[in-house]
Amino acid sequence: MEFYGCLQKTLSNEILIAVHVTPNASQSCLLGYDQWTKNLKIAVRAKAEGGRA
């Protein structure tokens, strides 16, 4: 799985990772990489609160 498109390096040498999180899943797992949006797709068991997983 090539996922380098979701990684960005900042000027202060920090790494940012673009993710799309799906809440309320049956299990927490990495679903894959969306090459169009350049996001890692992650499912989490936690319910969304205030629009956030």
N, C-alpha and C. Protein backbone atom coordinates (compact mmCIF):
# COMPACT_ATOMS: atom_id res chain seq x y z
N MET A 1 0.85 -1.17 0.00
CA MET A 1 0.00 0.00 0.00
C MET A 1 0.90 1.24 0.00
N GLU A 2 0.78 2.06 -1.00
CA GLU A 2 1.56 3.28 -1.09
C GLU A 2 0.75 4.43 -0.51
N PHE A 3 1.19 5.00 0.58
CA PHE A 3 0.41 6.02 1.26
C PHE A 3 1.21 7.31 1.49
N TYR A 4 2.27 7.52 0.75
CA TYR A 4 3.12 8.68 0.97
C TYR A 4 2.41 10.00 0.72
N GLY A 5 1.33 9.99 -0.06
CA GLY A 5 0.60 11.22 -0.36
C GLY A 5 -0.06 11.85 0.85
N CYS A 6 -0.31 11.06 1.90
CA CYS A 6 -0.97 11.59 3.10
C CYS A 6 0.03 12.19 4.09
N LEU A 7 1.32 12.12 3.79
CA LEU A 7 2.34 12.62 4.71
C LEU A 7 2.85 13.98 4.25
N GLN A 8 3.00 14.89 5.21
CA GLN A 8 3.58 16.20 4.95
C GLN A 8 4.60 16.50 6.03
N LYS A 9 5.69 17.13 5.65
CA LYS A 9 6.71 17.53 6.61
C LYS A 9 6.64 19.05 6.76
N THR A 10 6.59 19.52 8.01
CA THR A 10 6.50 20.95 8.27
C THR A 10 7.90 21.57 8.27
N LEU A 11 7.94 22.90 8.33
CA LEU A 11 9.22 23.59 8.38
C LEU A 11 10.00 23.28 9.66
N SER A 12 9.28 22.90 10.72
CA SER A 12 9.95 22.55 11.98
C SER A 12 10.21 21.04 12.08
N ASN A 13 10.20 20.35 10.93
CA ASN A 13 10.50 18.92 10.82
C ASN A 13 9.50 18.01 11.53
N GLU A 14 8.27 18.46 11.67
CA GLU A 14 7.21 17.61 12.20
C GLU A 14 6.52 16.91 11.03
N ILE A 15 5.94 15.76 11.27
CA ILE A 15 5.23 15.01 10.24
C ILE A 15 3.74 15.12 10.49
N LEU A 16 2.98 15.53 9.47
CA LEU A 16 1.53 15.57 9.53
C LEU A 16 0.98 14.42 8.71
N ILE A 17 -0.04 13.75 9.23
CA ILE A 17 -0.66 12.63 8.53
C ILE A 17 -2.13 12.96 8.31
N ALA A 18 -2.58 12.96 7.06
CA ALA A 18 -3.98 13.22 6.74
C ALA A 18 -4.77 11.92 6.90
N VAL A 19 -5.81 11.96 7.73
CA VAL A 19 -6.63 10.77 7.97
C VAL A 19 -8.11 11.10 7.85
N HIS A 20 -8.88 10.09 7.49
CA HIS A 20 -10.34 10.14 7.50
C HIS A 20 -10.78 9.06 8.47
N VAL A 21 -11.45 9.48 9.56
CA VAL A 21 -11.83 8.55 10.62
C VAL A 21 -13.31 8.25 10.53
N THR A 22 -13.67 6.96 10.57
CA THR A 22 -15.05 6.52 10.61
C THR A 22 -15.35 6.02 12.02
N PRO A 23 -16.25 6.72 12.73
CA PRO A 23 -16.56 6.32 14.10
C PRO A 23 -17.58 5.19 14.17
N ASN A 24 -17.74 4.63 15.38
CA ASN A 24 -18.77 3.63 15.67
C ASN A 24 -18.62 2.36 14.83
N ALA A 25 -17.39 1.95 14.58
CA ALA A 25 -17.13 0.73 13.80
C ALA A 25 -17.18 -0.48 14.72
N SER A 26 -17.33 -1.65 14.15
CA SER A 26 -17.36 -2.88 14.95
C SER A 26 -15.99 -3.19 15.55
N GLN A 27 -14.92 -2.72 14.88
CA GLN A 27 -13.56 -2.88 15.41
C GLN A 27 -12.70 -1.72 14.91
N SER A 28 -11.68 -1.38 15.66
CA SER A 28 -10.75 -0.33 15.25
C SER A 28 -9.71 -0.94 14.32
N CYS A 29 -9.52 -0.32 13.16
CA CYS A 29 -8.56 -0.86 12.20
C CYS A 29 -8.23 0.17 11.13
N LEU A 30 -7.15 -0.09 10.42
CA LEU A 30 -6.77 0.70 9.26
C LEU A 30 -7.48 0.11 8.06
N LEU A 31 -8.32 0.91 7.40
CA LEU A 31 -9.11 0.43 6.27
C LEU A 31 -8.35 0.50 4.95
N GLY A 32 -7.42 1.44 4.85
CA GLY A 32 -6.67 1.56 3.61
C GLY A 32 -6.30 3.00 3.33
N TYR A 33 -5.96 3.26 2.10
CA TYR A 33 -5.51 4.58 1.66
C TYR A 33 -6.38 5.02 0.50
N ASP A 34 -6.92 6.23 0.57
CA ASP A 34 -7.74 6.80 -0.50
C ASP A 34 -6.83 7.65 -1.38
N GLN A 35 -6.52 7.17 -2.57
CA GLN A 35 -5.57 7.88 -3.42
C GLN A 35 -6.13 9.17 -3.99
N TRP A 36 -7.45 9.33 -4.01
CA TRP A 36 -8.06 10.55 -4.54
C TRP A 36 -8.00 11.69 -3.53
N THR A 37 -8.30 11.40 -2.27
CA THR A 37 -8.25 12.44 -1.23
C THR A 37 -6.91 12.45 -0.50
N LYS A 38 -6.08 11.47 -0.78
CA LYS A 38 -4.76 11.32 -0.15
C LYS A 38 -4.87 11.27 1.38
N ASN A 39 -5.81 10.45 1.87
CA ASN A 39 -6.04 10.25 3.29
C ASN A 39 -5.92 8.78 3.64
N LEU A 40 -5.39 8.49 4.84
CA LEU A 40 -5.50 7.15 5.39
C LEU A 40 -6.92 7.01 5.91
N LYS A 41 -7.55 5.87 5.66
CA LYS A 41 -8.91 5.62 6.15
C LYS A 41 -8.81 4.72 7.37
N ILE A 42 -9.34 5.22 8.50
CA ILE A 42 -9.25 4.51 9.77
C ILE A 42 -10.64 4.37 10.36
N ALA A 43 -10.95 3.20 10.89
CA ALA A 43 -12.21 2.97 11.60
C ALA A 43 -11.90 2.85 13.08
N VAL A 44 -12.75 3.48 13.91
CA VAL A 44 -12.57 3.39 15.37
C VAL A 44 -13.89 2.99 16.01
N ARG A 45 -13.80 2.31 17.13
CA ARG A 45 -14.99 1.84 17.84
C ARG A 45 -15.69 2.97 18.58
N ALA A 46 -14.99 4.03 18.90
CA ALA A 46 -15.57 5.14 19.66
C ALA A 46 -16.68 5.82 18.87
N LYS A 47 -17.69 6.28 19.60
CA LYS A 47 -18.78 7.01 18.97
C LYS A 47 -18.35 8.46 18.75
N ALA A 48 -18.90 9.08 17.72
CA ALA A 48 -18.60 10.48 17.44
C ALA A 48 -19.24 11.36 18.51
N GLU A 49 -18.51 12.35 18.95
CA GLU A 49 -19.04 13.32 19.91
C GLU A 49 -18.78 14.71 19.35
N GLY A 50 -19.85 15.44 19.09
CA GLY A 50 -19.69 16.79 18.55
C GLY A 50 -19.09 16.80 17.17
N GLY A 51 -19.37 15.77 16.37
CA GLY A 51 -18.83 15.70 15.01
C GLY A 51 -17.40 15.19 14.94
N ARG A 52 -16.87 14.71 16.05
CA ARG A 52 -15.49 14.21 16.08
C ARG A 52 -15.47 12.78 16.60
N ALA A 53 -14.61 11.98 16.01
CA ALA A 53 -14.50 10.58 16.43
C ALA A 53 -13.43 10.43 17.49
